[in-house]
Amino acid sequence: MFRPGGPRFPMEASEDDPRWGWFRREILPLESELKAYAVRFCRSGSAEAEDLIHESFARAIAYANWRSIDNPAGFVKRVMKNVALDTARG
């Protein structure tokens, strides 16, 4: 189960930052697939799943070694699973 209020990752990047371009190209198109995946970790429905997706996106964009990611879908799904597990542990 996901509970909002986990760690936040401040971004000091501009929209022209290559990381944002990578995120828009590689991660954002996965949103509908990630919604279906997020529901598996959530008990109370779509709002909780949305929070899980947003936290996963925040962690993905903050990842320092983003250029070394060969499988963006696998990476963000692993991030999502870790966020859900971290939250469940409380």
N, C-alpha and C. Protein backbone atom coordinates (compact mmCIF):
# COMPACT_ATOMS: atom_id res chain seq x y z
N MET A 1 0.83 -1.17 0.00
CA MET A 1 0.00 0.00 0.00
C MET A 1 0.88 1.24 0.00
N PHE A 2 0.52 2.21 -0.81
CA PHE A 2 1.29 3.44 -0.90
C PHE A 2 0.65 4.51 -0.03
N ARG A 3 1.47 5.20 0.73
CA ARG A 3 1.02 6.34 1.51
C ARG A 3 1.80 7.56 1.05
N PRO A 4 1.10 8.62 0.64
CA PRO A 4 1.81 9.83 0.20
C PRO A 4 2.63 10.43 1.33
N GLY A 5 3.58 11.24 0.95
CA GLY A 5 4.37 11.93 1.95
C GLY A 5 5.78 11.38 2.08
N GLY A 6 6.19 10.55 1.11
CA GLY A 6 7.54 10.01 1.12
C GLY A 6 8.55 11.09 0.80
N PRO A 7 9.80 10.71 0.65
CA PRO A 7 10.84 11.70 0.37
C PRO A 7 10.60 12.42 -0.95
N ARG A 8 10.98 13.64 -1.01
CA ARG A 8 10.87 14.45 -2.23
C ARG A 8 12.26 14.75 -2.74
N PHE A 9 12.36 14.93 -4.04
CA PHE A 9 13.64 15.18 -4.68
C PHE A 9 13.57 16.51 -5.40
N PRO A 10 14.18 17.54 -4.86
CA PRO A 10 14.12 18.86 -5.50
C PRO A 10 14.86 18.85 -6.83
N MET A 11 14.27 19.51 -7.78
CA MET A 11 14.89 19.60 -9.10
C MET A 11 15.30 21.04 -9.35
N GLU A 12 16.54 21.20 -9.72
CA GLU A 12 17.07 22.53 -10.03
C GLU A 12 17.32 22.66 -11.53
N ALA A 13 16.69 21.82 -12.33
CA ALA A 13 16.95 21.78 -13.76
C ALA A 13 15.94 22.63 -14.52
N SER A 14 16.38 23.13 -15.65
CA SER A 14 15.47 23.86 -16.52
C SER A 14 14.83 22.88 -17.50
N GLU A 15 13.82 23.34 -18.19
CA GLU A 15 13.14 22.50 -19.18
C GLU A 15 14.08 22.11 -20.33
N ASP A 16 15.18 22.82 -20.52
CA ASP A 16 16.12 22.53 -21.58
C ASP A 16 17.16 21.49 -21.18
N ASP A 17 17.16 21.10 -19.94
CA ASP A 17 18.10 20.11 -19.43
C ASP A 17 17.92 18.79 -20.19
N PRO A 18 19.01 18.15 -20.62
CA PRO A 18 18.90 16.88 -21.33
C PRO A 18 18.16 15.80 -20.53
N ARG A 19 18.26 15.88 -19.21
CA ARG A 19 17.56 14.90 -18.37
C ARG A 19 16.06 15.01 -18.58
N TRP A 20 15.53 16.24 -18.67
CA TRP A 20 14.10 16.42 -18.89
C TRP A 20 13.69 15.88 -20.25
N GLY A 21 14.54 16.07 -21.27
CA GLY A 21 14.25 15.50 -22.59
C GLY A 21 14.18 13.98 -22.54
N TRP A 22 15.13 13.38 -21.85
CA TRP A 22 15.12 11.92 -21.67
C TRP A 22 13.85 11.47 -20.96
N PHE A 23 13.49 12.19 -19.90
CA PHE A 23 12.30 11.85 -19.15
C PHE A 23 11.04 11.92 -20.02
N ARG A 24 10.91 12.99 -20.81
CA ARG A 24 9.74 13.14 -21.68
C ARG A 24 9.70 12.07 -22.76
N ARG A 25 10.86 11.71 -23.30
CA ARG A 25 10.92 10.70 -24.38
C ARG A 25 10.76 9.27 -23.88
N GLU A 26 11.42 8.95 -22.77
CA GLU A 26 11.53 7.56 -22.34
C GLU A 26 10.58 7.15 -21.21
N ILE A 27 10.27 8.05 -20.31
CA ILE A 27 9.50 7.70 -19.12
C ILE A 27 8.02 8.11 -19.24
N LEU A 28 7.73 9.34 -19.60
CA LEU A 28 6.35 9.78 -19.66
C LEU A 28 5.46 8.94 -20.57
N PRO A 29 5.93 8.46 -21.72
CA PRO A 29 5.07 7.62 -22.56
C PRO A 29 4.64 6.31 -21.88
N LEU A 30 5.28 5.94 -20.80
CA LEU A 30 4.95 4.70 -20.08
C LEU A 30 3.83 4.90 -19.06
N GLU A 31 3.30 6.10 -18.95
CA GLU A 31 2.37 6.41 -17.87
C GLU A 31 1.17 5.47 -17.81
N SER A 32 0.52 5.18 -18.93
CA SER A 32 -0.65 4.30 -18.87
C SER A 32 -0.27 2.88 -18.44
N GLU A 33 0.86 2.39 -18.91
CA GLU A 33 1.35 1.08 -18.49
C GLU A 33 1.66 1.08 -16.99
N LEU A 34 2.24 2.17 -16.51
CA LEU A 34 2.59 2.27 -15.10
C LEU A 34 1.36 2.38 -14.20
N LYS A 35 0.29 2.98 -14.72
CA LYS A 35 -0.95 3.05 -13.93
C LYS A 35 -1.47 1.65 -13.62
N ALA A 36 -1.47 0.79 -14.63
CA ALA A 36 -1.92 -0.59 -14.42
C ALA A 36 -0.99 -1.30 -13.43
N TYR A 37 0.29 -1.05 -13.52
CA TYR A 37 1.26 -1.67 -12.62
C TYR A 37 1.09 -1.14 -11.19
N ALA A 38 0.85 0.16 -11.05
CA ALA A 38 0.73 0.79 -9.73
C ALA A 38 -0.46 0.26 -8.95
N VAL A 39 -1.56 -0.04 -9.62
CA VAL A 39 -2.76 -0.52 -8.96
C VAL A 39 -2.49 -1.81 -8.19
N ARG A 40 -1.53 -2.58 -8.66
CA ARG A 40 -1.18 -3.84 -7.99
C ARG A 40 -0.67 -3.60 -6.58
N PHE A 41 -0.11 -2.43 -6.32
CA PHE A 41 0.48 -2.12 -5.02
C PHE A 41 -0.45 -1.32 -4.11
N CYS A 42 -1.61 -0.94 -4.61
CA CYS A 42 -2.47 -0.02 -3.88
C CYS A 42 -3.79 -0.68 -3.49
N ARG A 43 -4.22 -0.43 -2.29
CA ARG A 43 -5.48 -0.98 -1.80
C ARG A 43 -6.66 -0.06 -2.07
N SER A 44 -6.42 1.21 -2.02
CA SER A 44 -7.55 2.13 -2.04
C SER A 44 -7.79 2.83 -3.37
N GLY A 45 -7.28 2.30 -4.45
CA GLY A 45 -7.68 2.79 -5.75
C GLY A 45 -6.76 3.75 -6.47
N SER A 46 -7.37 4.48 -7.41
CA SER A 46 -6.61 5.23 -8.38
C SER A 46 -5.88 6.44 -7.81
N ALA A 47 -6.42 7.10 -6.80
CA ALA A 47 -5.72 8.26 -6.23
C ALA A 47 -4.40 7.83 -5.61
N GLU A 48 -4.41 6.73 -4.92
CA GLU A 48 -3.20 6.19 -4.32
C GLU A 48 -2.21 5.76 -5.41
N ALA A 49 -2.71 5.16 -6.47
CA ALA A 49 -1.86 4.75 -7.59
C ALA A 49 -1.22 5.97 -8.25
N GLU A 50 -1.98 7.05 -8.39
CA GLU A 50 -1.43 8.28 -8.97
C GLU A 50 -0.29 8.82 -8.10
N ASP A 51 -0.47 8.78 -6.80
CA ASP A 51 0.59 9.24 -5.90
C ASP A 51 1.84 8.38 -6.06
N LEU A 52 1.65 7.11 -6.20
CA LEU A 52 2.77 6.18 -6.39
C LEU A 52 3.49 6.48 -7.71
N ILE A 53 2.74 6.74 -8.75
CA ILE A 53 3.33 7.07 -10.05
C ILE A 53 4.13 8.37 -9.96
N HIS A 54 3.55 9.37 -9.32
CA HIS A 54 4.23 10.66 -9.22
C HIS A 54 5.52 10.56 -8.42
N GLU A 55 5.49 9.81 -7.33
CA GLU A 55 6.71 9.62 -6.54
C GLU A 55 7.76 8.86 -7.35
N SER A 56 7.32 7.88 -8.12
CA SER A 56 8.25 7.12 -8.96
C SER A 56 8.85 8.02 -10.04
N PHE A 57 8.04 8.88 -10.63
CA PHE A 57 8.55 9.83 -11.61
C PHE A 57 9.57 10.76 -10.98
N ALA A 58 9.29 11.24 -9.78
CA ALA A 58 10.22 12.15 -9.10
C ALA A 58 11.56 11.46 -8.85
N ARG A 59 11.51 10.21 -8.43
CA ARG A 59 12.76 9.48 -8.18
C ARG A 59 13.50 9.17 -9.48
N ALA A 60 12.75 8.87 -10.53
CA ALA A 60 13.38 8.57 -11.82
C ALA A 60 14.10 9.79 -12.37
N ILE A 61 13.46 10.96 -12.31
CA ILE A 61 14.07 12.16 -12.85
C ILE A 61 15.25 12.61 -11.98
N ALA A 62 15.24 12.26 -10.71
CA ALA A 62 16.33 12.65 -9.81
C ALA A 62 17.51 11.69 -9.86
N TYR A 63 17.37 10.56 -10.52
CA TYR A 63 18.44 9.56 -10.55
C TYR A 63 19.68 10.11 -11.25
N ALA A 64 20.78 10.14 -10.55
CA ALA A 64 22.01 10.78 -11.05
C ALA A 64 22.59 10.08 -12.28
N ASN A 65 22.45 8.78 -12.38
CA ASN A 65 23.04 8.03 -13.50
C ASN A 65 22.01 7.70 -14.58
N TRP A 66 21.10 8.61 -14.85
CA TRP A 66 20.03 8.38 -15.80
C TRP A 66 20.54 8.01 -17.19
N ARG A 67 21.70 8.50 -17.58
CA ARG A 67 22.23 8.19 -18.92
C ARG A 67 22.62 6.72 -19.07
N SER A 68 22.85 6.04 -17.98
CA SER A 68 23.28 4.64 -18.05
C SER A 68 22.11 3.66 -18.08
N ILE A 69 20.89 4.14 -18.06
CA ILE A 69 19.71 3.26 -18.03
C ILE A 69 19.45 2.73 -19.44
N ASP A 70 19.54 1.41 -19.57
CA ASP A 70 19.30 0.76 -20.87
C ASP A 70 17.84 0.39 -21.07
N ASN A 71 17.12 0.17 -19.99
CA ASN A 71 15.73 -0.26 -20.05
C ASN A 71 14.88 0.67 -19.17
N PRO A 72 14.44 1.81 -19.72
CA PRO A 72 13.69 2.77 -18.92
C PRO A 72 12.42 2.19 -18.29
N ALA A 73 11.71 1.34 -19.02
CA ALA A 73 10.48 0.75 -18.47
C ALA A 73 10.80 -0.13 -17.27
N GLY A 74 11.78 -0.97 -17.39
CA GLY A 74 12.19 -1.82 -16.28
C GLY A 74 12.69 -1.00 -15.10
N PHE A 75 13.43 0.06 -15.39
CA PHE A 75 13.96 0.92 -14.34
C PHE A 75 12.84 1.57 -13.54
N VAL A 76 11.89 2.19 -14.23
CA VAL A 76 10.85 2.92 -13.51
C VAL A 76 9.91 1.96 -12.79
N LYS A 77 9.72 0.76 -13.32
CA LYS A 77 8.92 -0.24 -12.60
C LYS A 77 9.62 -0.68 -11.33
N ARG A 78 10.92 -0.83 -11.38
CA ARG A 78 11.69 -1.19 -10.18
C ARG A 78 11.63 -0.06 -9.16
N VAL A 79 11.74 1.18 -9.63
CA VAL A 79 11.62 2.33 -8.74
C VAL A 79 10.25 2.31 -8.07
N MET A 80 9.20 2.06 -8.86
CA MET A 80 7.85 2.04 -8.32
C MET A 80 7.69 0.95 -7.26
N LYS A 81 8.22 -0.21 -7.54
CA LYS A 81 8.14 -1.30 -6.56
C LYS A 81 8.87 -0.92 -5.28
N ASN A 82 10.03 -0.31 -5.41
CA ASN A 82 10.80 0.11 -4.24
C ASN A 82 10.06 1.19 -3.44
N VAL A 83 9.42 2.12 -4.12
CA VAL A 83 8.65 3.16 -3.44
C VAL A 83 7.51 2.50 -2.65
N ALA A 84 6.82 1.57 -3.29
CA ALA A 84 5.71 0.88 -2.61
C ALA A 84 6.21 0.11 -1.39
N LEU A 85 7.33 -0.57 -1.53
CA LEU A 85 7.88 -1.33 -0.41
C LEU A 85 8.35 -0.41 0.71
N ASP A 86 9.02 0.69 0.35
CA ASP A 86 9.46 1.65 1.36
C ASP A 86 8.27 2.20 2.15
N THR A 87 7.21 2.49 1.45
CA THR A 87 6.02 3.04 2.07
C THR A 87 5.35 2.02 2.98
N ALA A 88 5.29 0.77 2.53
CA ALA A 88 4.66 -0.29 3.33
C ALA A 88 5.43 -0.52 4.63
N ARG A 89 6.74 -0.36 4.57
CA ARG A 89 7.56 -0.53 5.76
C ARG A 89 7.36 0.59 6.77
N GLY A 90 6.90 1.72 6.23
CA GLY A 90 6.53 2.85 7.07
C GLY A 90 7.62 3.64 7.58
